[in-house]
Amino acid sequence: MANTIHVDVVSAEEQIFSGEAEFVALPGEAGELGIYPKHTPLITRIRPGAVRIQTANGGEEFVFVAGGILEVQPNGVTVLADTA
């Protein structure tokens, strides 16, 4: 699907979420970040808080992280959480 992006949320212990999403919102160091498909590549630190994933089927998933790293690439989004 052209209007979705693959999202992985992982910690050192486990894979927390893996799937297609229409939108991802999470707490960046300088404020809230919103990621849509075809977003510009990006690597940044994230603050503790909620990662909101709007899934391809219209649902929402929430994952609470204690900080970490966000990587956005053309083929997907990866959240490397300190703990979740």
PDB file of N, CA and C in Angstrom:
ATOM      1  N   MET A   1       0.838  -1.188   0.000  1.00  0.00           N
ATOM      2  CA  MET A   1       0.000   0.000   0.000  1.00  0.00           C
ATOM      3  C   MET A   1       0.881   1.248   0.000  1.00  0.00           C
ATOM      4  N   ALA A   2       0.535   2.207  -0.826  1.00  0.00           N
ATOM      5  CA  ALA A   2       1.332   3.421  -0.949  1.00  0.00           C
ATOM      6  C   ALA A   2       1.117   4.378   0.220  1.00  0.00           C
ATOM      7  N   ASN A   3      -0.002   4.272   0.908  1.00  0.00           N
ATOM      8  CA  ASN A   3      -0.313   5.204   1.988  1.00  0.00           C
ATOM      9  C   ASN A   3       0.001   4.646   3.367  1.00  0.00           C
ATOM     10  N   THR A   4       0.872   3.664   3.431  1.00  0.00           N
ATOM     11  CA  THR A   4       1.291   3.118   4.724  1.00  0.00           C
ATOM     12  C   THR A   4       2.812   3.022   4.759  1.00  0.00           C
ATOM     13  N   ILE A   5       3.318   2.884   5.960  1.00  0.00           N
ATOM     14  CA  ILE A   5       4.750   2.700   6.173  1.00  0.00           C
ATOM     15  C   ILE A   5       4.923   1.589   7.209  1.00  0.00           C
ATOM     16  N   HIS A   6       5.975   0.791   7.055  1.00  0.00           N
ATOM     17  CA  HIS A   6       6.219  -0.288   8.018  1.00  0.00           C
ATOM     18  C   HIS A   6       6.831   0.301   9.291  1.00  0.00           C
ATOM     19  N   VAL A   7       6.312  -0.117  10.440  1.00  0.00           N
ATOM     20  CA  VAL A   7       6.774   0.390  11.737  1.00  0.00           C
ATOM     21  C   VAL A   7       7.215  -0.775  12.609  1.00  0.00           C
ATOM     22  N   ASP A   8       8.398  -0.645  13.194  1.00  0.00           N
ATOM     23  CA  ASP A   8       8.893  -1.595  14.191  1.00  0.00           C
ATOM     24  C   ASP A   8       9.214  -0.824  15.461  1.00  0.00           C
ATOM     25  N   VAL A   9       8.705  -1.304  16.589  1.00  0.00           N
ATOM     26  CA  VAL A   9       9.068  -0.768  17.901  1.00  0.00           C
ATOM     27  C   VAL A   9       9.731  -1.915  18.652  1.00  0.00           C
ATOM     28  N   VAL A  10      11.005  -1.729  18.992  1.00  0.00           N
ATOM     29  CA  VAL A  10      11.763  -2.800  19.637  1.00  0.00           C
ATOM     30  C   VAL A  10      12.507  -2.260  20.852  1.00  0.00           C
ATOM     31  N   SER A  11      12.736  -3.142  21.815  1.00  0.00           N
ATOM     32  CA  SER A  11      13.607  -2.840  22.951  1.00  0.00           C
ATOM     33  C   SER A  11      14.690  -3.909  22.965  1.00  0.00           C
ATOM     34  N   ALA A  12      15.594  -3.820  23.903  1.00  0.00           N
ATOM     35  CA  ALA A  12      16.646  -4.830  24.013  1.00  0.00           C
ATOM     36  C   ALA A  12      16.064  -6.198  24.352  1.00  0.00           C
ATOM     37  N   GLU A  13      14.889  -6.213  24.991  1.00  0.00           N
ATOM     38  CA  GLU A  13      14.288  -7.459  25.445  1.00  0.00           C
ATOM     39  C   GLU A  13      13.393  -8.128  24.401  1.00  0.00           C
ATOM     40  N   GLU A  14      12.689  -7.324  23.581  1.00  0.00           N
ATOM     41  CA  GLU A  14      11.680  -7.919  22.703  1.00  0.00           C
ATOM     42  C   GLU A  14      11.248  -6.970  21.592  1.00  0.00           C
ATOM     43  N   GLN A  15      10.569  -7.552  20.610  1.00  0.00           N
ATOM     44  CA  GLN A  15       9.900  -6.755  19.584  1.00  0.00           C
ATOM     45  C   GLN A  15       8.505  -6.447  20.114  1.00  0.00           C
ATOM     46  N   ILE A  16       8.156  -5.172  20.201  1.00  0.00           N
ATOM     47  CA  ILE A  16       6.916  -4.755  20.842  1.00  0.00           C
ATOM     48  C   ILE A  16       5.796  -4.573  19.831  1.00  0.00           C
ATOM     49  N   PHE A  17       6.129  -4.030  18.670  1.00  0.00           N
ATOM     50  CA  PHE A  17       5.135  -3.831  17.609  1.00  0.00           C
ATOM     51  C   PHE A  17       5.832  -3.956  16.267  1.00  0.00           C
ATOM     52  N   SER A  18       5.154  -4.590  15.319  1.00  0.00           N
ATOM     53  CA  SER A  18       5.632  -4.657  13.946  1.00  0.00           C
ATOM     54  C   SER A  18       4.417  -4.709  13.043  1.00  0.00           C
ATOM     55  N   GLY A  19       4.301  -3.741  12.135  1.00  0.00           N
ATOM     56  CA  GLY A  19       3.165  -3.735  11.230  1.00  0.00           C
ATOM     57  C   GLY A  19       3.123  -2.483  10.382  1.00  0.00           C
ATOM     58  N   GLU A  20       2.081  -2.391   9.565  1.00  0.00           N
ATOM     59  CA  GLU A  20       1.891  -1.252   8.676  1.00  0.00           C
ATOM     60  C   GLU A  20       1.090  -0.168   9.387  1.00  0.00           C
ATOM     61  N   ALA A  21       1.457   1.086   9.130  1.00  0.00           N
ATOM     62  CA  ALA A  21       0.780   2.209   9.776  1.00  0.00           C
ATOM     63  C   ALA A  21       0.557   3.338   8.777  1.00  0.00           C
ATOM     64  N   GLU A  22      -0.482   4.120   9.054  1.00  0.00           N
ATOM     65  CA  GLU A  22      -0.759   5.314   8.261  1.00  0.00           C
ATOM     66  C   GLU A  22      -0.078   6.534   8.864  1.00  0.00           C
ATOM     67  N   PHE A  23       0.212   6.491  10.180  1.00  0.00           N
ATOM     68  CA  PHE A  23       0.766   7.643  10.884  1.00  0.00           C
ATOM     69  C   PHE A  23       1.372   7.177  12.198  1.00  0.00           C
ATOM     70  N   VAL A  24       2.459   7.829  12.600  1.00  0.00           N
ATOM     71  CA  VAL A  24       3.091   7.556  13.894  1.00  0.00           C
ATOM     72  C   VAL A  24       3.375   8.896  14.571  1.00  0.00           C
ATOM     73  N   ALA A  25       3.010   9.023  15.841  1.00  0.00           N
ATOM     74  CA  ALA A  25       3.310  10.222  16.627  1.00  0.00           C
ATOM     75  C   ALA A  25       4.097   9.800  17.856  1.00  0.00           C
ATOM     76  N   LEU A  26       5.142  10.571  18.183  1.00  0.00           N
ATOM     77  CA  LEU A  26       5.955  10.232  19.340  1.00  0.00           C
ATOM     78  C   LEU A  26       6.657  11.475  19.872  1.00  0.00           C
ATOM     79  N   PRO A  27       7.121  11.412  21.133  1.00  0.00           N
ATOM     80  CA  PRO A  27       7.735  12.585  21.762  1.00  0.00           C
ATOM     81  C   PRO A  27       9.210  12.734  21.390  1.00  0.00           C
ATOM     82  N   GLY A  28       9.517  13.680  20.517  1.00  0.00           N
ATOM     83  CA  GLY A  28      10.901  13.973  20.167  1.00  0.00           C
ATOM     84  C   GLY A  28      11.532  14.885  21.206  1.00  0.00           C
ATOM     85  N   GLU A  29      12.829  15.077  21.116  1.00  0.00           N
ATOM     86  CA  GLU A  29      13.517  15.937  22.091  1.00  0.00           C
ATOM     87  C   GLU A  29      13.058  17.385  22.015  1.00  0.00           C
ATOM     88  N   ALA A  30      12.692  17.847  20.825  1.00  0.00           N
ATOM     89  CA  ALA A  30      12.286  19.245  20.664  1.00  0.00           C
ATOM     90  C   ALA A  30      10.774  19.403  20.580  1.00  0.00           C
ATOM     91  N   GLY A  31      10.031  18.324  20.817  1.00  0.00           N
ATOM     92  CA  GLY A  31       8.574  18.380  20.750  1.00  0.00           C
ATOM     93  C   GLY A  31       8.004  17.160  20.060  1.00  0.00           C
ATOM     94  N   GLU A  32       6.706  17.174  19.874  1.00  0.00           N
ATOM     95  CA  GLU A  32       5.995  16.037  19.276  1.00  0.00           C
ATOM     96  C   GLU A  32       6.379  15.878  17.806  1.00  0.00           C
ATOM     97  N   LEU A  33       6.643  14.639  17.392  1.00  0.00           N
ATOM     98  CA  LEU A  33       6.959  14.326  16.003  1.00  0.00           C
ATOM     99  C   LEU A  33       5.810  13.547  15.391  1.00  0.00           C
ATOM    100  N   GLY A  34       5.475  13.855  14.155  1.00  0.00           N
ATOM    101  CA  GLY A  34       4.475  13.113  13.401  1.00  0.00           C
ATOM    102  C   GLY A  34       5.106  12.580  12.133  1.00  0.00           C
ATOM    103  N   ILE A  35       4.985  11.280  11.912  1.00  0.00           N
ATOM    104  CA  ILE A  35       5.614  10.634  10.766  1.00  0.00           C
ATOM    105  C   ILE A  35       4.532  10.033   9.873  1.00  0.00           C
ATOM    106  N   TYR A  36       4.512  10.465   8.625  1.00  0.00           N
ATOM    107  CA  TYR A  36       3.623   9.910   7.602  1.00  0.00           C
ATOM    108  C   TYR A  36       4.462   9.137   6.588  1.00  0.00           C
ATOM    109  N   PRO A  37       3.829   8.282   5.758  1.00  0.00           N
ATOM    110  CA  PRO A  37       4.579   7.624   4.682  1.00  0.00           C
ATOM    111  C   PRO A  37       5.293   8.666   3.814  1.00  0.00           C
ATOM    112  N   LYS A  38       6.459   8.307   3.304  1.00  0.00           N
ATOM    113  CA  LYS A  38       7.301   9.160   2.452  1.00  0.00           C
ATOM    114  C   LYS A  38       7.933  10.323   3.222  1.00  0.00           C
ATOM    115  N   HIS A  39       8.029  10.196   4.548  1.00  0.00           N
ATOM    116  CA  HIS A  39       8.687  11.223   5.370  1.00  0.00           C
ATOM    117  C   HIS A  39      10.174  11.277   5.016  1.00  0.00           C
ATOM    118  N   THR A  40      10.763  12.425   5.159  1.00  0.00           N
ATOM    119  CA  THR A  40      12.198  12.601   4.951  1.00  0.00           C
ATOM    120  C   THR A  40      12.971  11.725   5.940  1.00  0.00           C
ATOM    121  N   PRO A  41      14.051  11.057   5.498  1.00  0.00           N
ATOM    122  CA  PRO A  41      14.851  10.256   6.429  1.00  0.00           C
ATOM    123  C   PRO A  41      15.321  11.095   7.619  1.00  0.00           C
ATOM    124  N   LEU A  42      15.360  10.442   8.790  1.00  0.00           N
ATOM    125  CA  LEU A  42      15.618  11.155  10.035  1.00  0.00           C
ATOM    126  C   LEU A  42      16.127  10.182  11.086  1.00  0.00           C
ATOM    127  N   ILE A  43      17.069  10.643  11.898  1.00  0.00           N
ATOM    128  CA  ILE A  43      17.481   9.919  13.109  1.00  0.00           C
ATOM    129  C   ILE A  43      17.488  10.938  14.236  1.00  0.00           C
ATOM    130  N   THR A  44      16.804  10.628  15.335  1.00  0.00           N
ATOM    131  CA  THR A  44      16.743  11.545  16.470  1.00  0.00           C
ATOM    132  C   THR A  44      16.482  10.774  17.753  1.00  0.00           C
ATOM    133  N   ARG A  45      16.778  11.412  18.870  1.00  0.00           N
ATOM    134  CA  ARG A  45      16.453  10.831  20.173  1.00  0.00           C
ATOM    135  C   ARG A  45      14.995  11.122  20.487  1.00  0.00           C
ATOM    136  N   ILE A  46      14.387  10.227  21.247  1.00  0.00           N
ATOM    137  CA  ILE A  46      13.012  10.452  21.697  1.00  0.00           C
ATOM    138  C   ILE A  46      12.982  10.483  23.220  1.00  0.00           C
ATOM    139  N   ARG A  47      12.026  11.242  23.734  1.00  0.00           N
ATOM    140  CA  ARG A  47      11.843  11.381  25.177  1.00  0.00           C
ATOM    141  C   ARG A  47      10.908  10.288  25.689  1.00  0.00           C
ATOM    142  N   PRO A  48      10.872  10.080  26.994  1.00  0.00           N
ATOM    143  CA  PRO A  48       9.887   9.154  27.554  1.00  0.00           C
ATOM    144  C   PRO A  48       8.470   9.624  27.232  1.00  0.00           C
ATOM    145  N   GLY A  49       7.611   8.682  26.906  1.00  0.00           N
ATOM    146  CA  GLY A  49       6.222   9.014  26.611  1.00  0.00           C
ATOM    147  C   GLY A  49       5.570   7.971  25.729  1.00  0.00           C
ATOM    148  N   ALA A  50       4.449   8.359  25.150  1.00  0.00           N
ATOM    149  CA  ALA A  50       3.637   7.439  24.352  1.00  0.00           C
ATOM    150  C   ALA A  50       3.988   7.536  22.876  1.00  0.00           C
ATOM    151  N   VAL A  51       4.133   6.380  22.251  1.00  0.00           N
ATOM    152  CA  VAL A  51       4.231   6.278  20.799  1.00  0.00           C
ATOM    153  C   VAL A  51       2.840   5.867  20.325  1.00  0.00           C
ATOM    154  N   ARG A  52       2.224   6.717  19.494  1.00  0.00           N
ATOM    155  CA  ARG A  52       0.877   6.427  18.980  1.00  0.00           C
ATOM    156  C   ARG A  52       1.002   5.991  17.535  1.00  0.00           C
ATOM    157  N   ILE A  53       0.487   4.808  17.238  1.00  0.00           N
ATOM    158  CA  ILE A  53       0.569   4.241  15.897  1.00  0.00           C
ATOM    159  C   ILE A  53      -0.843   4.088  15.359  1.00  0.00           C
ATOM    160  N   GLN A  54      -1.143   4.809  14.280  1.00  0.00           N
ATOM    161  CA  GLN A  54      -2.432   4.660  13.602  1.00  0.00           C
ATOM    162  C   GLN A  54      -2.241   3.564  12.565  1.00  0.00           C
ATOM    163  N   THR A  55      -2.820   2.405  12.817  1.00  0.00           N
ATOM    164  CA  THR A  55      -2.578   1.242  11.982  1.00  0.00           C
ATOM    165  C   THR A  55      -3.311   1.333  10.649  1.00  0.00           C
ATOM    166  N   ALA A  56      -2.888   0.485   9.709  1.00  0.00           N
ATOM    167  CA  ALA A  56      -3.446   0.495   8.358  1.00  0.00           C
ATOM    168  C   ALA A  56      -4.928   0.139   8.336  1.00  0.00           C
ATOM    169  N   ASN A  57      -5.402  -0.605   9.332  1.00  0.00           N
ATOM    170  CA  ASN A  57      -6.820  -0.994   9.364  1.00  0.00           C
ATOM    171  C   ASN A  57      -7.686   0.021  10.103  1.00  0.00           C
ATOM    172  N   GLY A  58      -7.112   1.183  10.446  1.00  0.00           N
ATOM    173  CA  GLY A  58      -7.881   2.240  11.095  1.00  0.00           C
ATOM    174  C   GLY A  58      -7.831   2.234  12.607  1.00  0.00           C
ATOM    175  N   GLY A  59      -7.192   1.244  13.211  1.00  0.00           N
ATOM    176  CA  GLY A  59      -7.086   1.183  14.667  1.00  0.00           C
ATOM    177  C   GLY A  59      -5.907   1.998  15.175  1.00  0.00           C
ATOM    178  N   GLU A  60      -5.755   2.019  16.489  1.00  0.00           N
ATOM    179  CA  GLU A  60      -4.627   2.703  17.113  1.00  0.00           C
ATOM    180  C   GLU A  60      -3.955   1.784  18.114  1.00  0.00           C
ATOM    181  N   GLU A  61      -2.640   1.857  18.139  1.00  0.00           N
ATOM    182  CA  GLU A  61      -1.834   1.145  19.127  1.00  0.00           C
ATOM    183  C   GLU A  61      -1.040   2.187  19.901  1.00  0.00           C
ATOM    184  N   PHE A  62      -0.913   1.991  21.205  1.00  0.00           N
ATOM    185  CA  PHE A  62      -0.106   2.877  22.040  1.00  0.00           C
ATOM    186  C   PHE A  62       0.980   2.055  22.709  1.00  0.00           C
ATOM    187  N   VAL A  63       2.215   2.545  22.647  1.00  0.00           N
ATOM    188  CA  VAL A  63       3.345   1.914  23.314  1.00  0.00           C
ATOM    189  C   VAL A  63       4.026   3.006  24.130  1.00  0.00           C
ATOM    190  N   PHE A  64       4.238   2.755  25.411  1.00  0.00           N
ATOM    191  CA  PHE A  64       4.910   3.732  26.262  1.00  0.00           C
ATOM    192  C   PHE A  64       6.380   3.359  26.367  1.00  0.00           C
ATOM    193  N   VAL A  65       7.251   4.323  26.056  1.00  0.00           N
ATOM    194  CA  VAL A  65       8.691   4.076  26.061  1.00  0.00           C
ATOM    195  C   VAL A  65       9.368   5.013  27.058  1.00  0.00           C
ATOM    196  N   ALA A  66      10.523   4.590  27.548  1.00  0.00           N
ATOM    197  CA  ALA A  66      11.291   5.389  28.504  1.00  0.00           C
ATOM    198  C   ALA A  66      12.412   6.144  27.800  1.00  0.00           C
ATOM    199  N   GLY A  67      12.204   6.489  26.540  1.00  0.00           N
ATOM    200  CA  GLY A  67      13.216   7.164  25.737  1.00  0.00           C
ATOM    201  C   GLY A  67      13.780   6.201  24.717  1.00  0.00           C
ATOM    202  N   GLY A  68      14.664   6.712  23.870  1.00  0.00           N
ATOM    203  CA  GLY A  68      15.277   5.858  22.866  1.00  0.00           C
ATOM    204  C   GLY A  68      15.669   6.634  21.627  1.00  0.00           C
ATOM    205  N   ILE A  69      15.700   5.927  20.499  1.00  0.00           N
ATOM    206  CA  ILE A  69      16.125   6.480  19.217  1.00  0.00           C
ATOM    207  C   ILE A  69      15.050   6.192  18.172  1.00  0.00           C
ATOM    208  N   LEU A  70      14.796   7.174  17.315  1.00  0.00           N
ATOM    209  CA  LEU A  70      13.879   7.021  16.187  1.00  0.00           C
ATOM    210  C   LEU A  70      14.687   7.063  14.905  1.00  0.00           C
ATOM    211  N   GLU A  71      14.451   6.098  14.020  1.00  0.00           N
ATOM    212  CA  GLU A  71      15.052   6.104  12.688  1.00  0.00           C
ATOM    213  C   GLU A  71      13.936   6.032  11.659  1.00  0.00           C
ATOM    214  N   VAL A  72      13.919   7.000  10.739  1.00  0.00           N
ATOM    215  CA  VAL A  72      12.945   7.017   9.650  1.00  0.00           C
ATOM    216  C   VAL A  72      13.719   6.833   8.354  1.00  0.00           C
ATOM    217  N   GLN A  73      13.354   5.809   7.592  1.00  0.00           N
ATOM    218  CA  GLN A  73      13.939   5.524   6.283  1.00  0.00           C
ATOM    219  C   GLN A  73      12.805   5.426   5.265  1.00  0.00           C
ATOM    220  N   PRO A  74      13.116   5.462   3.960  1.00  0.00           N
ATOM    221  CA  PRO A  74      12.044   5.378   2.960  1.00  0.00           C
ATOM    222  C   PRO A  74      11.183   4.119   3.082  1.00  0.00           C
ATOM    223  N   ASN A  75      11.775   3.023   3.573  1.00  0.00           N
ATOM    224  CA  ASN A  75      11.030   1.766   3.662  1.00  0.00           C
ATOM    225  C   ASN A  75      10.462   1.484   5.046  1.00  0.00           C
ATOM    226  N   GLY A  76      10.646   2.383   6.016  1.00  0.00           N
ATOM    227  CA  GLY A  76      10.067   2.096   7.321  1.00  0.00           C
ATOM    228  C   GLY A  76      10.540   3.004   8.434  1.00  0.00           C
ATOM    229  N   VAL A  77       9.896   2.810   9.580  1.00  0.00           N
ATOM    230  CA  VAL A  77      10.194   3.549  10.806  1.00  0.00           C
ATOM    231  C   VAL A  77      10.604   2.532  11.865  1.00  0.00           C
ATOM    232  N   THR A  78      11.710   2.810  12.555  1.00  0.00           N
ATOM    233  CA  THR A  78      12.149   1.946  13.649  1.00  0.00           C
ATOM    234  C   THR A  78      12.297   2.785  14.908  1.00  0.00           C
ATOM    235  N   VAL A  79      11.654   2.337  15.984  1.00  0.00           N
ATOM    236  CA  VAL A  79      11.810   2.953  17.298  1.00  0.00           C
ATOM    237  C   VAL A  79      12.616   1.975  18.142  1.00  0.00           C
ATOM    238  N   LEU A  80      13.819   2.400  18.538  1.00  0.00           N
ATOM    239  CA  LEU A  80      14.663   1.595  19.415  1.00  0.00           C
ATOM    240  C   LEU A  80      14.462   2.134  20.825  1.00  0.00           C
ATOM    241  N   ALA A  81      13.601   1.484  21.577  1.00  0.00           N
ATOM    242  CA  ALA A  81      13.210   1.968  22.901  1.00  0.00           C
ATOM    243  C   ALA A  81      14.207   1.522  23.958  1.00  0.00           C
ATOM    244  N   ASP A  82      14.514   2.442  24.904  1.00  0.00           N
ATOM    245  CA  ASP A  82      15.347   2.067  26.048  1.00  0.00           C
ATOM    246  C   ASP A  82      14.657   0.937  26.809  1.00  0.00           C
ATOM    247  N   THR A  83      13.421   1.161  27.210  1.00  0.00           N
ATOM    248  CA  THR A  83      12.556   0.129  27.785  1.00  0.00           C
ATOM    249  C   THR A  83      11.132   0.477  27.403  1.00  0.00           C
ATOM    250  N   ALA A  84      10.293  -0.535  27.339  1.00  0.00           N
ATOM    251  CA  ALA A  84       8.885  -0.287  26.979  1.00  0.00           C
ATOM    252  C   ALA A  84       7.990  -1.227  27.752  1.00  0.00           C
TER     253      ALA A  84
END
